Structures are given as structure tokens and as C-alpha cells.
């Protein structure tokens, strides 16, 4: 059995996918790479995937499917994974070789001891186009280089944000929590990280800069203008996160607190994108979002409104909206928009 399965969702990714794949191949036969060609039609993504599969038959699988979006490509990767652990790497990103070898060695050591950790964490680096200094996102407050549980975490601050980039999950745990991402929807990486968290009993964090997250393309999903144009998908993800996990049933209080903070950030992003669009239609959607939360779970609604940014998200009039946008810059630094 492979130690680690990598899923690489590819959609018209020919310009950059080879850098991604080559960075992962150095793991050798301990790993598998599942390249999911998600209905690419505008370039030779499919041919590149097939070439790697032919060249590295014991490591690379190439799967071609009708376009289903990023989430469905991740679903396909998970369905076909044979590794004990599962990692998603977007086709325009890559991994650092030294950090990668250290992570793989650590995973191997636990497997050899028959000690299966539910979640491995490492740092991710914003490879922001044009930026001289690369921002490193660490898991501040988490114990380093030892197995720990949620109860061992000292505290969570509002900027603590585990992205898909920083996490490696145990494959069977993802299947046990029945993770299934929606098709044709952006921003599903938040569901991917969020839904399994109550199932995580053991965690290991390495303070190494493993994942290199490229950011700067005009068409990138975290570009603010693009997010506003896709606001209905952001709202869909926001609601799925609310509906998929009843936070009152999350037994570990530290895990519950982290998940609330995560949900709060996502709700702030939804609210501010609606405000920043400036259209009457989206201002109405903002009102409807908060009405939805209120009607779905009044306790959650009250907690979000009492949170550090809940009140500022709902101040009336143009002046209130300006304050909301200013407050949003806190979460902007966390998410790392273009």
C-alpha cells in the first residue's frame, strides 16, 4: 500500500501542471499521484497526464472525466486513492522538496510503528506574484513535532486558518466522515477542511514550509472581483458548512471553538463580498444570508452576531458598510486575496 496519495485536479492546466507533478514525483514509489483531468478542452492537459502515467506507471494514474469542477475532481481523487493518507495539490501550486522529504519520512515512521495519525499539518507559503517577501502561514499555538489532540492546543486566535494547503488527512477518515464535495462549485476547499475536523482525534504538526501556494493570476478563484462574480457559490459553501456540522454536537470544546472561528471567517467573507459588490441585489442577498442563519440556527446566529466582527458586518447604511469593509481587512490577510 502507498503511504500517501496526491490528487491533482487539472482543468486546462498545461501551462503549469508539470512543475506541480515534478515536485511531487521525488517521493518515489512510496506515493501515488492521481492526475484528474476535469474535462479539459482548451489545451493538452489530457496528453500531459497520459504521458506521466505512461512514464511512471507505478506512481501516476491519469483519470479523465467530464467537467465537474474542483470539488468533483477531489472526489474522484479520493475515490481512487490507495494511500494511507490523502493530499490535494492544485495544479498551479507545488511542494518544497526538503520539507516534502521530511514530511514523508515522518509519516513513514508512524506507519512503521502502526500509529496512524488522523491529520498531519505543515506550513504553506503564499507565492504571491510580484511579492518580494513570501508570507509563511504557520499553525500558531499548535504543539510542534509531537502527537497531540485538540485539548492540547493552547488557544485559537481569529487568524488561525487551516487551509487545504496545510493539511494531510488519513484517507479512511475522510471516507468515514462521508466527505463528498459539490460539483461545479468554487471554494469547496473550505468544506474539505471543515467537515472532517470532528473526526480528528490525533494531530501532528511539522514547522516546515511544505506547500507553495501560487497566487496572482487574474482568473484565480480568490481574486476579489472573481469572488464577487461567483458569490452564489461562496454562499452555497457557507450554507453547506452550516448544515453539514452541528457545532453543538462537536464533543471536544477546543475543536468546536476552532470550527466556529472558521465558520465565522467564511461568513465574514460572504458578507463583505456582497457589500463590496455595491449592487442592490447583493445587498438583499446579504440580508437573506443572515435571515437564513437566524432561521436555521438561532443560537449560531446570536453567537455570530456577538462575535468579534459580527456586529460590524451588519451596521446599517453606507457608513456602516465602510466600517464593515475596513474590518474585513483582518480576514483578508488570513485568506490572502489577490
Protein backbone atom coordinates (compact mmCIF):
# COMPACT_ATOMS: atom_id res chain seq x y z
CA UNK A 1 0.00 0.00 0.00
CA UNK A 2 1.16 3.54 -0.76
CA UNK A 3 1.88 5.88 2.12
CA UNK A 4 0.44 8.99 0.55
CA UNK A 5 -1.92 9.67 -2.35
CA UNK A 6 -1.79 13.05 -4.05
CA UNK A 7 -4.76 14.24 -6.06
CA UNK A 8 -4.02 16.96 -8.63
CA UNK A 9 -7.21 18.45 -10.11
CA UNK A 10 -6.39 19.76 -13.60
CA UNK A 11 -8.57 21.91 -15.84
CA UNK A 12 -6.76 23.40 -18.83
CA UNK A 13 -3.61 23.33 -16.71
CA UNK A 14 -0.99 22.57 -19.37
CA UNK A 15 0.93 25.80 -18.74
CA UNK A 16 1.90 24.90 -15.18
CA UNK A 17 0.89 21.34 -14.19
CA UNK A 18 4.27 19.80 -15.00
CA UNK A 19 6.00 21.90 -12.33
CA UNK A 20 3.45 20.64 -9.83
CA UNK A 21 3.77 16.97 -10.83
CA UNK A 22 7.58 17.06 -10.97
CA UNK A 23 7.76 18.48 -7.44
CA UNK A 24 5.73 15.54 -6.11
CA UNK A 25 7.44 12.76 -8.08
CA UNK A 26 10.52 12.93 -5.87
CA UNK A 27 8.53 10.97 -3.27
CA UNK A 28 9.19 7.87 -5.35
CA UNK A 29 7.17 4.69 -5.04
CA UNK A 30 6.00 5.45 -1.51
CA UNK A 31 3.46 7.79 -3.07
CA UNK A 32 0.90 7.85 -5.84
CA UNK A 33 -0.15 10.80 -7.95
CA UNK A 34 -3.70 10.87 -9.25
CA UNK A 35 -3.97 13.44 -12.04
CA UNK A 36 -7.64 14.22 -12.58
CA UNK A 37 -8.25 15.80 -15.97
CA UNK A 38 -11.54 17.53 -15.30
CA UNK A 39 -12.81 17.81 -18.86
CA UNK A 40 -10.01 19.99 -20.23
CA UNK A 41 -10.66 21.08 -23.82
CA UNK A 42 -8.54 24.18 -24.48
CA UNK A 43 -5.05 22.70 -24.22
CA UNK A 44 -3.16 19.40 -23.99
CA UNK A 45 -3.75 18.74 -20.28
CA UNK A 46 -5.05 15.24 -21.09
CA UNK A 47 -1.96 14.35 -23.14
CA UNK A 48 0.39 15.57 -20.42
CA UNK A 49 -1.45 13.47 -17.82
CA UNK A 50 -1.28 10.36 -20.02
CA UNK A 51 2.42 10.91 -20.71
CA UNK A 52 3.24 10.98 -16.97
CA UNK A 53 1.09 7.89 -16.36
CA UNK A 54 2.93 6.01 -19.12
CA UNK A 55 6.34 7.16 -17.89
CA UNK A 56 5.68 6.41 -14.20
CA UNK A 57 3.14 3.52 -14.23
CA UNK A 58 3.79 2.56 -10.61
CA UNK A 59 3.29 6.12 -9.33
CA UNK A 60 0.98 8.10 -11.61
CA UNK A 61 -2.64 7.49 -12.54
CA UNK A 62 -4.36 9.66 -15.16
CA UNK A 63 -8.13 9.88 -14.86
CA UNK A 64 -10.24 11.73 -17.43
CA UNK A 65 -13.76 12.82 -16.61
CA UNK A 66 -16.47 15.20 -17.77
CA UNK A 67 -16.10 18.63 -16.23
CA UNK A 68 -17.43 18.57 -12.68
CA UNK A 69 -15.43 21.34 -11.09
CA UNK A 70 -12.68 21.32 -8.49
CA UNK A 71 -14.78 19.52 -5.90
CA UNK A 72 -15.67 16.64 -8.18
CA UNK A 73 -12.01 16.30 -9.17
CA UNK A 74 -11.13 15.97 -5.47
CA UNK A 75 -13.96 13.43 -5.04
CA UNK A 76 -12.54 11.41 -7.94
CA UNK A 77 -9.06 11.54 -6.44
CA UNK A 78 -10.36 10.31 -3.09
CA UNK A 79 -12.40 7.52 -4.67
CA UNK A 80 -9.30 6.23 -6.47
CA UNK A 81 -6.75 6.75 -3.70
CA UNK A 82 -4.95 3.70 -2.34
CA UNK A 83 -2.61 5.53 0.04
CA UNK A 84 -2.99 5.58 3.81
CA UNK A 85 -3.00 9.38 3.62
CA UNK A 86 -4.50 11.81 1.15
CA UNK A 87 -3.31 15.22 -0.03
CA UNK A 88 -4.73 17.64 -2.61
CA UNK A 89 -2.29 19.84 -4.55
CA UNK A 90 -3.73 22.31 -7.03
CA UNK A 91 -2.16 22.15 -10.47
CA UNK A 92 -0.66 25.66 -10.30
CA UNK A 93 0.97 25.01 -6.91
CA UNK A 94 3.92 22.86 -5.90
CA UNK A 95 5.68 21.40 -2.85
CA UNK A 96 9.09 22.20 -1.39
CA UNK A 97 11.47 19.23 -1.84
CA UNK A 98 13.21 19.37 1.54
CA UNK A 99 10.01 19.88 3.53
CA UNK A 100 8.32 17.18 1.46
CA UNK A 101 11.03 14.61 2.23
CA UNK A 102 10.81 15.47 5.93
CA UNK A 103 7.02 15.11 5.93
CA UNK A 104 7.16 11.80 4.09
CA UNK A 105 9.81 10.47 6.44
CA UNK A 106 7.69 11.42 9.45
CA UNK A 107 4.59 9.76 8.02
CA UNK A 108 6.61 6.63 7.24
CA UNK A 109 7.92 6.45 10.81
CA UNK A 110 4.39 6.49 12.26
CA UNK A 111 3.16 3.87 9.81
CA UNK A 112 6.09 1.61 10.70
CA UNK A 113 5.07 1.93 14.37
CA UNK A 114 1.46 1.16 13.38
CA UNK A 115 0.41 4.51 14.81
CA UNK A 116 -1.95 6.18 12.37
CA UNK A 117 -2.32 9.93 12.90
CA UNK A 118 -5.58 11.45 11.66
CA UNK A 119 -4.21 14.80 10.50
CA UNK A 120 -0.71 15.98 9.59
CA UNK A 121 -0.11 19.72 9.34
CA UNK A 122 2.68 21.82 7.88
CA UNK A 123 3.14 25.43 6.78
CA UNK A 124 2.09 26.87 3.46
CA UNK A 125 3.73 29.79 1.71
CA UNK A 126 2.00 32.46 -0.36
CA UNK A 127 3.92 32.56 -3.61
CA UNK A 128 2.28 35.86 -4.48
CA UNK A 129 3.22 37.16 -7.88
CA UNK A 130 5.40 40.27 -7.59
CA UNK A 131 5.87 39.99 -3.82
CA UNK A 132 9.49 40.23 -2.63
CA UNK A 133 8.77 38.66 0.73
CA UNK A 134 6.89 35.37 0.83
CA UNK A 135 4.31 35.13 3.62
CA UNK A 136 4.55 31.89 5.59
CA UNK A 137 1.37 30.67 7.29
CA UNK A 138 2.18 28.65 10.41
CA UNK A 139 -0.09 26.79 12.82
CA UNK A 140 0.46 29.22 15.68
CA UNK A 141 -0.41 27.76 19.07
CA UNK A 142 -0.13 24.13 17.99
CA UNK A 143 2.47 21.84 19.58
CA UNK A 144 5.37 21.11 17.22
CA UNK A 145 6.89 17.73 16.33
CA UNK A 146 4.75 15.64 18.65
CA UNK A 147 1.40 13.92 18.56
CA UNK A 148 -1.34 15.95 20.19
CA UNK A 149 -5.11 16.28 20.44
CA UNK A 150 -7.44 19.27 20.22
CA UNK A 151 -7.35 19.51 24.01
CA UNK A 152 -3.59 20.15 23.92
CA UNK A 153 -3.96 23.33 21.84
CA UNK A 154 -3.34 26.40 23.99
CA UNK A 155 -5.63 28.85 22.22
CA UNK A 156 -7.04 29.82 18.85
CA UNK A 157 -6.84 33.34 17.52
CA UNK A 158 -9.08 34.68 14.77
CA UNK A 159 -6.32 34.45 12.20
CA UNK A 160 -5.72 30.74 12.73
CA UNK A 161 -6.91 29.28 9.47
CA UNK A 162 -6.14 25.71 8.35
CA UNK A 163 -6.36 25.74 4.56
CA UNK A 164 -6.44 22.69 2.32
CA UNK A 165 -2.82 23.57 1.53
CA UNK A 166 -1.62 22.85 5.06
CA UNK A 167 -3.40 19.58 5.76
CA UNK A 168 -2.85 15.89 5.03
CA UNK A 169 -5.74 13.69 6.17
CA UNK A 170 -5.90 9.96 6.83
CA UNK A 171 -7.70 8.56 3.80
CA UNK A 172 -10.06 6.23 5.63
CA UNK A 173 -11.10 9.02 7.99
CA UNK A 174 -12.20 11.12 5.00
CA UNK A 175 -14.29 8.20 3.81
CA UNK A 176 -15.68 7.58 7.30
CA UNK A 177 -16.99 11.14 7.53
CA UNK A 178 -18.62 10.67 4.11
CA UNK A 179 -16.85 13.63 2.57
CA UNK A 180 -18.41 14.49 -0.77
CA UNK A 181 -17.82 17.91 -2.30
CA UNK A 182 -20.46 19.57 -4.50
CA UNK A 183 -19.98 19.70 -8.25
CA UNK A 184 -19.44 22.89 -10.25
CA UNK A 185 -18.76 24.94 -7.13
CA UNK A 186 -15.72 27.01 -6.22
CA UNK A 187 -14.42 27.43 -2.65
CA UNK A 188 -15.19 23.81 -1.71
CA UNK A 189 -11.74 23.55 -0.12
CA UNK A 190 -13.36 25.07 2.96
CA UNK A 191 -15.80 22.15 3.18
CA UNK A 192 -12.90 19.76 2.60
CA UNK A 193 -11.03 21.07 5.63
CA UNK A 194 -14.03 21.76 7.85
CA UNK A 195 -16.25 18.67 7.70
CA UNK A 196 -13.67 16.06 8.85
CA UNK A 197 -12.45 18.06 11.87
CA UNK A 198 -14.76 16.44 14.47
CA UNK A 199 -13.37 13.05 13.38
CA UNK A 200 -9.78 14.13 14.02
CA UNK A 201 -8.50 12.61 17.27
CA UNK A 202 -4.73 12.81 16.73
CA UNK A 203 -2.70 15.59 15.10
CA UNK A 204 0.94 16.10 14.21
CA UNK A 205 2.37 19.47 13.16
CA UNK A 206 5.75 19.98 11.49
CA UNK A 207 7.01 23.55 11.28
CA UNK A 208 8.28 23.19 7.70
CA UNK A 209 7.31 25.23 4.63
CA UNK A 210 5.81 22.36 2.67
CA UNK A 211 3.15 23.75 0.31
CA UNK A 212 3.81 26.60 -2.11
CA UNK A 213 0.54 28.36 -2.88
CA UNK A 214 0.76 30.41 -6.07
CA UNK A 215 -1.45 33.47 -6.05
CA UNK A 216 -1.71 36.25 -8.59
CA UNK A 217 -3.48 35.08 -11.74
CA UNK A 218 -6.31 37.37 -12.79
CA UNK A 219 -8.69 34.43 -13.17
CA UNK A 220 -7.80 32.90 -9.82
CA UNK A 221 -10.77 31.98 -7.64
CA UNK A 222 -9.58 34.09 -4.68
CA UNK A 223 -9.31 37.24 -6.75
CA UNK A 224 -11.85 39.61 -5.17
CA UNK A 225 -13.53 40.55 -8.46
CA UNK A 226 -13.81 36.87 -9.35
CA UNK A 227 -15.24 36.06 -5.91
CA UNK A 228 -17.92 38.72 -6.31
CA UNK A 229 -18.87 37.32 -9.72
CA UNK A 230 -19.17 33.86 -8.12
CA UNK A 231 -20.82 34.99 -4.91
CA UNK A 232 -23.65 32.47 -5.20
CA UNK A 233 -21.09 29.66 -5.00
CA UNK A 234 -19.46 31.22 -1.94
CA UNK A 235 -22.90 31.41 -0.31
CA UNK A 236 -23.59 27.79 -1.20
CA UNK A 237 -20.37 26.69 0.50
CA UNK A 238 -21.17 28.88 3.52
CA UNK A 239 -24.57 27.20 3.92
CA UNK A 240 -23.21 23.68 3.41
CA UNK A 241 -20.71 24.29 6.20
CA UNK A 242 -23.53 25.39 8.50
CA UNK A 243 -25.71 22.40 7.59
CA UNK A 244 -23.03 19.67 7.47
CA UNK A 245 -21.88 20.02 11.07
CA UNK A 246 -23.99 20.80 14.13
CA UNK A 247 -21.39 22.54 16.26
CA UNK A 248 -23.33 21.85 19.45
CA UNK A 249 -22.67 18.13 18.88
CA UNK A 250 -18.90 18.52 18.49
CA UNK A 251 -17.76 17.00 21.76
CA UNK A 252 -14.31 18.49 22.10
CA UNK A 253 -14.65 22.12 23.15
CA UNK A 254 -11.36 23.20 21.56
CA UNK A 255 -12.34 21.63 18.24
CA UNK A 256 -15.76 23.28 18.47
CA UNK A 257 -14.17 26.67 19.12
CA UNK A 258 -11.82 26.35 16.16
CA UNK A 259 -14.67 25.31 13.89
CA UNK A 260 -16.77 28.27 14.99
CA UNK A 261 -13.87 30.62 14.24
CA UNK A 262 -13.54 29.04 10.79
CA UNK A 263 -17.26 29.38 10.08
CA UNK A 264 -17.19 32.98 11.30
CA UNK A 265 -14.38 33.87 8.86
CA UNK A 266 -16.26 32.27 5.94
CA UNK A 267 -19.43 34.16 6.87
CA UNK A 268 -17.47 37.41 7.07
CA UNK A 269 -16.04 36.78 3.60
CA UNK A 270 -19.53 36.09 2.21
CA UNK A 271 -20.95 39.21 3.83
CA UNK A 272 -18.19 41.54 2.72
CA UNK A 273 -18.14 40.31 -0.85
CA UNK A 274 -21.85 41.08 -1.00
CA UNK A 275 -21.26 44.53 0.46
CA UNK A 276 -18.31 45.32 -1.80
CA UNK A 277 -20.25 44.47 -4.94
CA UNK A 278 -22.39 47.53 -4.25
CA UNK A 279 -25.48 46.20 -6.04
CA UNK A 280 -28.95 46.25 -4.54
CA UNK A 281 -29.35 42.59 -5.49
CA UNK A 282 -26.31 41.55 -3.46
CA UNK A 283 -27.20 43.76 -0.51
CA UNK A 284 -30.51 41.88 -0.47
CA UNK A 285 -28.58 38.59 -0.57
CA UNK A 286 -26.61 39.76 2.46
CA UNK A 287 -29.85 40.32 4.33
CA UNK A 288 -31.13 36.92 3.20
CA UNK A 289 -27.92 35.18 4.34
CA UNK A 290 -28.29 36.45 7.88
CA UNK A 291 -32.02 35.68 7.87
CA UNK A 292 -31.17 32.15 6.73
CA UNK A 293 -28.71 31.71 9.62
CA UNK A 294 -31.24 33.12 12.07
CA UNK A 295 -33.98 30.75 10.89
CA UNK A 296 -31.71 27.72 10.61
CA UNK A 297 -29.96 28.01 13.98
CA UNK A 298 -30.84 30.91 16.25
CA UNK A 299 -28.03 30.06 18.69
CA UNK A 300 -25.43 30.15 15.94
CA UNK A 301 -26.91 33.40 14.65
CA UNK A 302 -26.64 35.06 18.05
CA UNK A 303 -23.07 33.84 18.53
CA UNK A 304 -22.01 35.12 15.09
CA UNK A 305 -23.64 38.48 15.79
CA UNK A 306 -21.83 38.71 19.13
CA UNK A 307 -18.51 37.66 17.61
CA UNK A 308 -15.55 39.94 17.05
CA UNK A 309 -16.82 41.02 13.62
CA UNK A 310 -20.48 40.02 13.61
CA UNK A 311 -21.73 43.44 14.68
CA UNK A 312 -19.61 45.37 12.20
CA UNK A 313 -20.85 43.12 9.38
CA UNK A 314 -24.39 44.35 9.94
CA UNK A 315 -24.11 48.09 10.53
CA UNK A 316 -26.74 49.99 8.53
CA UNK A 317 -26.22 52.49 5.69
CA UNK A 318 -23.17 53.50 3.64
CA UNK A 319 -21.18 54.48 6.72
CA UNK A 320 -21.79 51.10 8.29
CA UNK A 321 -20.75 49.35 5.12
CA UNK A 322 -17.47 51.31 5.06
CA UNK A 323 -16.73 50.18 8.61
CA UNK A 324 -17.55 46.60 7.61
CA UNK A 325 -15.12 46.70 4.70
CA UNK A 326 -12.39 48.13 6.93
CA UNK A 327 -12.94 45.36 9.47
CA UNK A 328 -12.83 42.82 6.69
CA UNK A 329 -9.16 43.57 6.03
CA UNK A 330 -8.42 41.42 9.07
CA UNK A 331 -9.90 38.37 7.37
CA UNK A 332 -8.41 39.41 4.03
CA UNK A 333 -4.94 38.94 5.45
CA UNK A 334 -5.92 35.47 6.55
CA UNK A 335 -7.41 34.37 3.22
CA UNK A 336 -4.73 36.05 1.11
CA UNK A 337 -6.76 37.57 -1.71
CA UNK A 338 -5.05 38.95 -4.81
